[in-house]
Amino acid sequence: IWPAYIPPGQTPVLANGGTEYFLSSNLGFDNFNQIAVWALTNTSSLNTDNPNLRLRMTVVDTLAYHFPEFSVPQKNGFHPLGESLGFPVADLDAGPDSISSCEYVNGHVWGTLSSAMKDGNGSTIEVVAYFAFTPQITNGTLTASRFTQGIVAAPGRFLMYPAIALNKNNIGTIVFSLSSPNDYPSAAFVPIRDTSRGAIQISREGNEPEDGFTCYPPFSDGVCRWGDYSAGAVNNVDQTS
């Protein structure tokens, strides 16, 4: 369960004694098409000697998402540690399909997660799924509707560990790591404006493959840990993130 943060300048949810929203996935384990929206109300009571909180949950139908049950390739290159141990360049850990970021902006709760899908060439790749929900609490009952959703994907490329960062004007980015047989692990993003999404942009190309001790036996299972976890920050002054 991932708590929603709010950007600078966004008014906290003061209704129902103060409300904090959360998102969670994995309701159906490896493959599913629902996201859970959670609300913790009466958070103002945390300032008292006797907190009195209430946690509610509702489920919203979404596009299908799938656990990335594979490792992510990276471009072959200089890897002195692996070479000293007699190993080729290792793959990267793809990460889970759990919610990896959550933000509350202007009445909507946004979230991201990693998923798997086939590209146009029939190859399985890792993609970014994102969602936004409009929650409402009426007479003590939590409901939520889907505001928008989508997939960020690039044929032949693997997009890992996404995170969303929107400012109070619904302008920002979804950031993630990118890797492929033709790309060293790199930092990338797509711009977001309201419900519109731009093309993938590389903010910093990688210089060489990951070559840490987590990549090789006997230190690990032979899959590198890299890029977990992504994060973004917002800037309300010049509309950037």
C-alpha atoms as a PDB file:
ATOM      1  CA  ILE A   1       0.000   0.000   0.000  1.00  0.00           C
ATOM      2  CA  TRP A   2       1.602   3.247  -1.176  1.00  0.00           C
ATOM      3  CA  PRO A   3       0.629   6.582   0.473  1.00  0.00           C
ATOM      4  CA  ALA A   4      -0.156   9.584  -1.706  1.00  0.00           C
ATOM      5  CA  TYR A   5       2.023  12.639  -1.247  1.00  0.00           C
ATOM      6  CA  ILE A   6       0.869  16.113  -2.250  1.00  0.00           C
ATOM      7  CA  PRO A   7       2.924  18.624  -4.270  1.00  0.00           C
ATOM      8  CA  PRO A   8       3.959  22.038  -2.926  1.00  0.00           C
ATOM      9  CA  GLY A   9       1.007  24.409  -2.877  1.00  0.00           C
ATOM     10  CA  GLN A  10      -1.601  21.642  -2.894  1.00  0.00           C
ATOM     11  CA  THR A  11      -4.086  21.906  -0.015  1.00  0.00           C
ATOM     12  CA  PRO A  12      -4.254  18.729   2.094  1.00  0.00           C
ATOM     13  CA  VAL A  13      -7.569  16.882   2.201  1.00  0.00           C
ATOM     14  CA  LEU A  14      -9.240  18.326   5.297  1.00  0.00           C
ATOM     15  CA  ALA A  15     -12.627  16.654   4.822  1.00  0.00           C
ATOM     16  CA  ASN A  16     -13.679  13.853   7.186  1.00  0.00           C
ATOM     17  CA  GLY A  17     -11.312  15.058   9.861  1.00  0.00           C
ATOM     18  CA  GLY A  18      -8.339  14.902   7.494  1.00  0.00           C
ATOM     19  CA  THR A  19      -7.870  12.213   4.862  1.00  0.00           C
ATOM     20  CA  GLU A  20      -4.812  10.389   3.538  1.00  0.00           C
ATOM     21  CA  TYR A  21      -5.192   8.328   0.347  1.00  0.00           C
ATOM     22  CA  PHE A  22      -3.268   5.221  -0.704  1.00  0.00           C
ATOM     23  CA  LEU A  23      -3.140   2.872  -3.712  1.00  0.00           C
ATOM     24  CA  SER A  24      -2.296  -0.819  -3.930  1.00  0.00           C
ATOM     25  CA  SER A  25      -2.120  -3.447  -6.661  1.00  0.00           C
ATOM     26  CA  ASN A  26      -1.459  -7.195  -6.796  1.00  0.00           C
ATOM     27  CA  LEU A  27      -5.057  -8.009  -5.851  1.00  0.00           C
ATOM     28  CA  GLY A  28      -4.870 -10.955  -8.254  1.00  0.00           C
ATOM     29  CA  PHE A  29      -1.181 -11.718  -7.782  1.00  0.00           C
ATOM     30  CA  ASP A  30       0.657 -12.053 -11.128  1.00  0.00           C
ATOM     31  CA  ASN A  31      -2.100 -10.798 -13.458  1.00  0.00           C
ATOM     32  CA  PHE A  32      -4.995  -8.519 -12.663  1.00  0.00           C
ATOM     33  CA  ASN A  33      -7.113  -5.600 -13.806  1.00  0.00           C
ATOM     34  CA  GLN A  34      -8.047  -3.773 -10.626  1.00  0.00           C
ATOM     35  CA  ILE A  35      -6.415  -1.234  -8.326  1.00  0.00           C
ATOM     36  CA  ALA A  36      -7.442  -0.688  -4.710  1.00  0.00           C
ATOM     37  CA  VAL A  37      -8.003   2.871  -3.496  1.00  0.00           C
ATOM     38  CA  TRP A  38      -7.661   3.351   0.271  1.00  0.00           C
ATOM     39  CA  ALA A  39      -8.644   6.254   2.522  1.00  0.00           C
ATOM     40  CA  LEU A  40      -7.511   6.833   6.097  1.00  0.00           C
ATOM     41  CA  THR A  41      -9.839   9.386   7.689  1.00  0.00           C
ATOM     42  CA  ASN A  42      -9.846  11.479  10.861  1.00  0.00           C
ATOM     43  CA  THR A  43      -6.084  11.887  10.646  1.00  0.00           C
ATOM     44  CA  SER A  44      -6.377  15.095  12.696  1.00  0.00           C
ATOM     45  CA  SER A  45      -6.980  12.845  15.717  1.00  0.00           C
ATOM     46  CA  LEU A  46      -3.327  11.818  15.518  1.00  0.00           C
ATOM     47  CA  ASN A  47      -2.607  15.105  17.312  1.00  0.00           C
ATOM     48  CA  THR A  48      -4.634  13.947  20.312  1.00  0.00           C
ATOM     49  CA  ASP A  49      -3.962  11.506  23.110  1.00  0.00           C
ATOM     50  CA  ASN A  50      -6.640   9.177  21.714  1.00  0.00           C
ATOM     51  CA  PRO A  51      -6.354   8.824  17.926  1.00  0.00           C
ATOM     52  CA  ASN A  52      -9.542   7.601  16.269  1.00  0.00           C
ATOM     53  CA  LEU A  53      -8.788   6.584  12.682  1.00  0.00           C
ATOM     54  CA  ARG A  54     -10.845   4.749  10.114  1.00  0.00           C
ATOM     55  CA  LEU A  55      -9.456   2.909   7.094  1.00  0.00           C
ATOM     56  CA  ARG A  56     -11.638   2.273   4.042  1.00  0.00           C
ATOM     57  CA  MET A  57     -10.931   0.523   0.738  1.00  0.00           C
ATOM     58  CA  THR A  58     -12.653   0.291  -2.634  1.00  0.00           C
ATOM     59  CA  VAL A  59     -11.645  -1.418  -5.876  1.00  0.00           C
ATOM     60  CA  VAL A  60     -11.648   0.122  -9.374  1.00  0.00           C
ATOM     61  CA  ASP A  61     -11.456  -1.767 -12.686  1.00  0.00           C
ATOM     62  CA  THR A  62      -8.421  -0.841 -14.791  1.00  0.00           C
ATOM     63  CA  LEU A  63      -6.440  -2.001 -17.782  1.00  0.00           C
ATOM     64  CA  ALA A  64      -4.777  -5.370 -17.226  1.00  0.00           C
ATOM     65  CA  TYR A  65      -1.274  -5.455 -15.788  1.00  0.00           C
ATOM     66  CA  HIS A  66       1.123  -8.373 -15.517  1.00  0.00           C
ATOM     67  CA  PHE A  67       4.007  -9.262 -13.266  1.00  0.00           C
ATOM     68  CA  PRO A  68       7.294  -8.900 -15.233  1.00  0.00           C
ATOM     69  CA  GLU A  69       8.506 -12.465 -14.730  1.00  0.00           C
ATOM     70  CA  PHE A  70      11.820 -11.989 -16.498  1.00  0.00           C
ATOM     71  CA  SER A  71      15.098 -10.169 -16.147  1.00  0.00           C
ATOM     72  CA  VAL A  72      15.958  -7.056 -18.152  1.00  0.00           C
ATOM     73  CA  PRO A  73      18.853  -7.114 -20.647  1.00  0.00           C
ATOM     74  CA  GLN A  74      21.471  -4.394 -20.804  1.00  0.00           C
ATOM     75  CA  LYS A  75      23.929  -3.456 -23.517  1.00  0.00           C
ATOM     76  CA  ASN A  76      27.176  -5.408 -23.529  1.00  0.00           C
ATOM     77  CA  GLY A  77      30.202  -3.416 -22.433  1.00  0.00           C
ATOM     78  CA  PHE A  78      33.001  -2.864 -19.958  1.00  0.00           C
ATOM     79  CA  HIS A  79      32.324  -4.879 -16.773  1.00  0.00           C
ATOM     80  CA  PRO A  80      35.613  -5.543 -14.971  1.00  0.00           C
ATOM     81  CA  LEU A  81      34.095  -7.211 -11.904  1.00  0.00           C
ATOM     82  CA  GLY A  82      32.115  -9.687 -13.981  1.00  0.00           C
ATOM     83  CA  GLU A  83      35.071 -10.383 -16.255  1.00  0.00           C
ATOM     84  CA  SER A  84      37.312 -11.043 -13.240  1.00  0.00           C
ATOM     85  CA  LEU A  85      34.794 -13.656 -12.089  1.00  0.00           C
ATOM     86  CA  GLY A  86      34.376 -15.133 -15.557  1.00  0.00           C
ATOM     87  CA  PHE A  87      30.805 -13.887 -16.132  1.00  0.00           C
ATOM     88  CA  PRO A  88      29.243 -12.019 -19.071  1.00  0.00           C
ATOM     89  CA  VAL A  89      27.245  -8.822 -18.569  1.00  0.00           C
ATOM     90  CA  ALA A  90      24.332  -9.693 -16.286  1.00  0.00           C
ATOM     91  CA  ASP A  91      20.657  -8.826 -16.637  1.00  0.00           C
ATOM     92  CA  LEU A  92      18.836  -6.362 -14.379  1.00  0.00           C
ATOM     93  CA  ASP A  93      16.051  -7.130 -11.933  1.00  0.00           C
ATOM     94  CA  ALA A  94      12.731  -6.057 -13.478  1.00  0.00           C
ATOM     95  CA  GLY A  95      11.050  -5.257 -10.169  1.00  0.00           C
ATOM     96  CA  PRO A  96       7.471  -6.079  -9.090  1.00  0.00           C
ATOM     97  CA  ASP A  97       4.086  -4.998 -10.413  1.00  0.00           C
ATOM     98  CA  SER A  98       3.155  -3.302  -7.153  1.00  0.00           C
ATOM     99  CA  ILE A  99       2.331   0.406  -7.001  1.00  0.00           C
ATOM    100  CA  SER A 100       5.648   2.253  -7.156  1.00  0.00           C
ATOM    101  CA  SER A 101       4.497   5.856  -6.611  1.00  0.00           C
ATOM    102  CA  CYS A 102       1.351   7.686  -5.566  1.00  0.00           C
ATOM    103  CA  GLU A 103       0.354  11.363  -5.551  1.00  0.00           C
ATOM    104  CA  TYR A 104      -2.790  13.346  -4.750  1.00  0.00           C
ATOM    105  CA  VAL A 105      -3.377  16.382  -6.997  1.00  0.00           C
ATOM    106  CA  ASN A 106      -6.569  18.415  -7.423  1.00  0.00           C
ATOM    107  CA  GLY A 107      -8.955  15.687  -6.343  1.00  0.00           C
ATOM    108  CA  HIS A 108      -7.239  12.809  -8.159  1.00  0.00           C
ATOM    109  CA  VAL A 109      -4.974  10.053  -6.858  1.00  0.00           C
ATOM    110  CA  TRP A 110      -2.272   9.100  -9.366  1.00  0.00           C
ATOM    111  CA  GLY A 111      -0.212   5.917  -9.304  1.00  0.00           C
ATOM    112  CA  THR A 112       2.336   4.007 -11.382  1.00  0.00           C
ATOM    113  CA  LEU A 113       3.508   0.415 -11.623  1.00  0.00           C
ATOM    114  CA  SER A 114       5.646  -1.848 -13.816  1.00  0.00           C
ATOM    115  CA  SER A 115       3.963  -4.329 -16.143  1.00  0.00           C
ATOM    116  CA  ALA A 116       4.798  -6.719 -18.984  1.00  0.00           C
ATOM    117  CA  MET A 117       3.375  -6.795 -22.510  1.00  0.00           C
ATOM    118  CA  LYS A 118       4.191  -7.844 -26.067  1.00  0.00           C
ATOM    119  CA  ASP A 119       5.613  -5.224 -28.393  1.00  0.00           C
ATOM    120  CA  GLY A 120       4.869  -4.974 -32.110  1.00  0.00           C
ATOM    121  CA  ASN A 121       7.529  -7.587 -32.854  1.00  0.00           C
ATOM    122  CA  GLY A 122       6.002 -10.149 -30.508  1.00  0.00           C
ATOM    123  CA  SER A 123       8.737  -9.749 -27.903  1.00  0.00           C
ATOM    124  CA  THR A 124       7.878  -9.387 -24.226  1.00  0.00           C
ATOM    125  CA  ILE A 125       9.025  -6.067 -22.788  1.00  0.00           C
ATOM    126  CA  GLU A 126       8.581  -4.183 -19.533  1.00  0.00           C
ATOM    127  CA  VAL A 127       6.317  -1.133 -19.652  1.00  0.00           C
ATOM    128  CA  VAL A 128       4.986   1.548 -17.340  1.00  0.00           C
ATOM    129  CA  ALA A 129       1.300   1.527 -16.415  1.00  0.00           C
ATOM    130  CA  TYR A 130      -0.204   4.630 -14.850  1.00  0.00           C
ATOM    131  CA  PHE A 131      -3.610   5.383 -13.392  1.00  0.00           C
ATOM    132  CA  ALA A 132      -5.523   8.253 -11.834  1.00  0.00           C
ATOM    133  CA  PHE A 133      -8.647   7.885  -9.706  1.00  0.00           C
ATOM    134  CA  THR A 134     -11.212  10.304  -8.328  1.00  0.00           C
ATOM    135  CA  PRO A 135     -12.103   9.240  -4.770  1.00  0.00           C
ATOM    136  CA  GLN A 136     -15.139  10.399  -2.816  1.00  0.00           C
ATOM    137  CA  ILE A 137     -16.389   9.678   0.686  1.00  0.00           C
ATOM    138  CA  THR A 138     -20.162  10.051   1.110  1.00  0.00           C
ATOM    139  CA  ASN A 139     -21.929   9.165   4.350  1.00  0.00           C
ATOM    140  CA  GLY A 140     -18.879   7.237   5.455  1.00  0.00           C
ATOM    141  CA  THR A 141     -18.628   5.154   2.264  1.00  0.00           C
ATOM    142  CA  LEU A 142     -15.579   5.398  -0.005  1.00  0.00           C
ATOM    143  CA  THR A 143     -16.092   5.217  -3.761  1.00  0.00           C
ATOM    144  CA  ALA A 144     -13.685   5.938  -6.596  1.00  0.00           C
ATOM    145  CA  SER A 145     -13.886   6.273 -10.363  1.00  0.00           C
ATOM    146  CA  ARG A 146     -11.148   6.040 -12.962  1.00  0.00           C
ATOM    147  CA  PHE A 147     -10.049   9.478 -14.173  1.00  0.00           C
ATOM    148  CA  THR A 148      -7.409   8.322 -16.686  1.00  0.00           C
ATOM    149  CA  GLN A 149      -5.004   5.465 -17.348  1.00  0.00           C
ATOM    150  CA  GLY A 150      -2.381   4.492 -19.886  1.00  0.00           C
ATOM    151  CA  ILE A 151       0.745   2.599 -20.868  1.00  0.00           C
ATOM    152  CA  VAL A 152       4.199   4.001 -21.616  1.00  0.00           C
ATOM    153  CA  ALA A 153       6.130   1.610 -23.872  1.00  0.00           C
ATOM    154  CA  ALA A 154       8.907   1.505 -26.445  1.00  0.00           C
ATOM    155  CA  PRO A 155       9.455  -1.511 -28.742  1.00  0.00           C
ATOM    156  CA  GLY A 156      12.523  -3.490 -27.728  1.00  0.00           C
ATOM    157  CA  ARG A 157      13.134  -1.411 -24.606  1.00  0.00           C
ATOM    158  CA  PHE A 158      12.458  -2.136 -20.948  1.00  0.00           C
ATOM    159  CA  LEU A 159      11.099   0.582 -18.642  1.00  0.00           C
ATOM    160  CA  MET A 160      11.621  -0.081 -14.929  1.00  0.00           C
ATOM    161  CA  TYR A 161      10.622   1.390 -11.572  1.00  0.00           C
ATOM    162  CA  PRO A 162       8.351   4.273 -12.592  1.00  0.00           C
ATOM    163  CA  ALA A 163       7.467   7.247 -10.394  1.00  0.00           C
ATOM    164  CA  ILE A 164       5.130  10.164 -11.060  1.00  0.00           C
ATOM    165  CA  ALA A 165       5.730  13.798 -10.104  1.00  0.00           C
ATOM    166  CA  LEU A 166       3.012  16.357 -10.869  1.00  0.00           C
ATOM    167  CA  ASN A 167       2.818  19.921  -9.604  1.00  0.00           C
ATOM    168  CA  LYS A 168      -0.372  21.580  -8.380  1.00  0.00           C
ATOM    169  CA  ASN A 169      -1.230  22.519 -11.990  1.00  0.00           C
ATOM    170  CA  ASN A 170      -1.182  18.872 -13.174  1.00  0.00           C
ATOM    171  CA  ILE A 171       2.101  19.396 -15.052  1.00  0.00           C
ATOM    172  CA  GLY A 172       5.020  17.047 -14.509  1.00  0.00           C
ATOM    173  CA  THR A 173       6.585  13.768 -15.528  1.00  0.00           C
ATOM    174  CA  ILE A 174       6.652  10.034 -15.100  1.00  0.00           C
ATOM    175  CA  VAL A 175      10.282   9.041 -14.559  1.00  0.00           C
ATOM    176  CA  PHE A 176      11.770   5.551 -14.924  1.00  0.00           C
ATOM    177  CA  SER A 177      14.895   3.584 -15.742  1.00  0.00           C
ATOM    178  CA  LEU A 178      15.397   2.340 -19.322  1.00  0.00           C
ATOM    179  CA  SER A 179      17.550  -0.542 -20.545  1.00  0.00           C
ATOM    180  CA  SER A 180      17.764  -2.904 -23.524  1.00  0.00           C
ATOM    181  CA  PRO A 181      20.286  -4.957 -25.518  1.00  0.00           C
ATOM    182  CA  ASN A 182      21.127  -1.652 -27.243  1.00  0.00           C
ATOM    183  CA  ASP A 183      20.971   0.651 -24.199  1.00  0.00           C
ATOM    184  CA  TYR A 184      23.034   0.863 -21.055  1.00  0.00           C
ATOM    185  CA  PRO A 185      20.823   1.494 -18.015  1.00  0.00           C
ATOM    186  CA  SER A 186      19.627   5.080 -18.406  1.00  0.00           C
ATOM    187  CA  ALA A 187      17.353   7.654 -16.765  1.00  0.00           C
ATOM    188  CA  ALA A 188      14.270   8.551 -18.819  1.00  0.00           C
ATOM    189  CA  PHE A 189      10.870  10.234 -18.526  1.00  0.00           C
ATOM    190  CA  VAL A 190       7.681  11.231 -20.299  1.00  0.00           C
ATOM    191  CA  PRO A 191       6.131  14.676 -19.761  1.00  0.00           C
ATOM    192  CA  ILE A 192       2.578  14.860 -18.386  1.00  0.00           C
ATOM    193  CA  ARG A 193       0.114  17.720 -18.753  1.00  0.00           C
ATOM    194  CA  ASP A 194      -3.344  17.003 -17.339  1.00  0.00           C
ATOM    195  CA  THR A 195      -4.335  13.727 -19.054  1.00  0.00           C
ATOM    196  CA  SER A 196      -1.994  14.185 -22.035  1.00  0.00           C
ATOM    197  CA  ARG A 197       1.354  12.388 -22.229  1.00  0.00           C
ATOM    198  CA  GLY A 198       4.408  13.178 -24.343  1.00  0.00           C
ATOM    199  CA  ALA A 199       7.045  10.952 -25.928  1.00  0.00           C
ATOM    200  CA  ILE A 200       9.809   9.143 -24.052  1.00  0.00           C
ATOM    201  CA  GLN A 201      12.884  11.321 -23.483  1.00  0.00           C
ATOM    202  CA  ILE A 202      16.284  10.244 -22.199  1.00  0.00           C
ATOM    203  CA  SER A 203      17.422  12.570 -19.428  1.00  0.00           C
ATOM    204  CA  ARG A 204      20.761  10.818 -18.917  1.00  0.00           C
ATOM    205  CA  GLU A 205      22.168   8.011 -21.078  1.00  0.00           C
ATOM    206  CA  GLY A 206      24.117   5.334 -19.279  1.00  0.00           C
ATOM    207  CA  ASN A 207      27.861   5.020 -19.919  1.00  0.00           C
ATOM    208  CA  GLU A 208      28.324   1.308 -19.285  1.00  0.00           C
ATOM    209  CA  PRO A 209      26.483  -1.735 -17.949  1.00  0.00           C
ATOM    210  CA  GLU A 210      25.775  -2.265 -14.274  1.00  0.00           C
ATOM    211  CA  ASP A 211      28.669  -4.280 -12.827  1.00  0.00           C
ATOM    212  CA  GLY A 212      28.006  -4.349  -9.073  1.00  0.00           C
ATOM    213  CA  PHE A 213      28.405  -7.317  -6.769  1.00  0.00           C
ATOM    214  CA  THR A 214      24.641  -7.995  -6.868  1.00  0.00           C
ATOM    215  CA  CYS A 215      25.041  -9.071 -10.520  1.00  0.00           C
ATOM    216  CA  TYR A 216      27.064 -12.235  -9.988  1.00  0.00           C
ATOM    217  CA  PRO A 217      27.215 -15.472  -8.037  1.00  0.00           C
ATOM    218  CA  PRO A 218      28.278 -16.180  -5.363  1.00  0.00           C
ATOM    219  CA  PHE A 219      27.091 -12.770  -4.135  1.00  0.00           C
ATOM    220  CA  SER A 220      23.550 -13.042  -5.536  1.00  0.00           C
ATOM    221  CA  ASP A 221      21.367 -15.010  -7.933  1.00  0.00           C
ATOM    222  CA  GLY A 222      23.063 -13.420 -10.942  1.00  0.00           C
ATOM    223  CA  VAL A 223      20.607 -10.566 -11.543  1.00  0.00           C
ATOM    224  CA  CYS A 224      21.677  -6.957 -10.921  1.00  0.00           C
ATOM    225  CA  ARG A 225      19.760  -4.619  -8.653  1.00  0.00           C
ATOM    226  CA  TRP A 226      19.734  -1.254 -10.405  1.00  0.00           C
ATOM    227  CA  GLY A 227      17.492   1.779 -10.359  1.00  0.00           C
ATOM    228  CA  ASP A 228      15.217   0.790  -7.539  1.00  0.00           C
ATOM    229  CA  TYR A 229      13.624   2.993  -6.782  1.00  0.00           C
ATOM    230  CA  SER A 230      12.871   5.995  -9.030  1.00  0.00           C
ATOM    231  CA  ALA A 231      11.650   9.281  -7.589  1.00  0.00           C
ATOM    232  CA  GLY A 232      10.673  12.697  -8.898  1.00  0.00           C
ATOM    233  CA  ALA A 233      10.136  16.155  -7.399  1.00  0.00           C
ATOM    234  CA  VAL A 234       8.006  19.054  -8.566  1.00  0.00           C
ATOM    235  CA  ASN A 235       8.672  22.759  -9.012  1.00  0.00           C
ATOM    236  CA  ASN A 236       5.698  25.112  -8.967  1.00  0.00           C
ATOM    237  CA  VAL A 237       7.809  28.146  -9.853  1.00  0.00           C
ATOM    238  CA  ASP A 238       8.735  27.386 -13.452  1.00  0.00           C
ATOM    239  CA  GLN A 239       6.306  24.512 -14.134  1.00  0.00           C
ATOM    240  CA  THR A 240       8.979  21.835 -14.207  1.00  0.00           C
ATOM    241  CA  SER A 241       9.543  18.577 -12.375  1.00  0.00           C
END
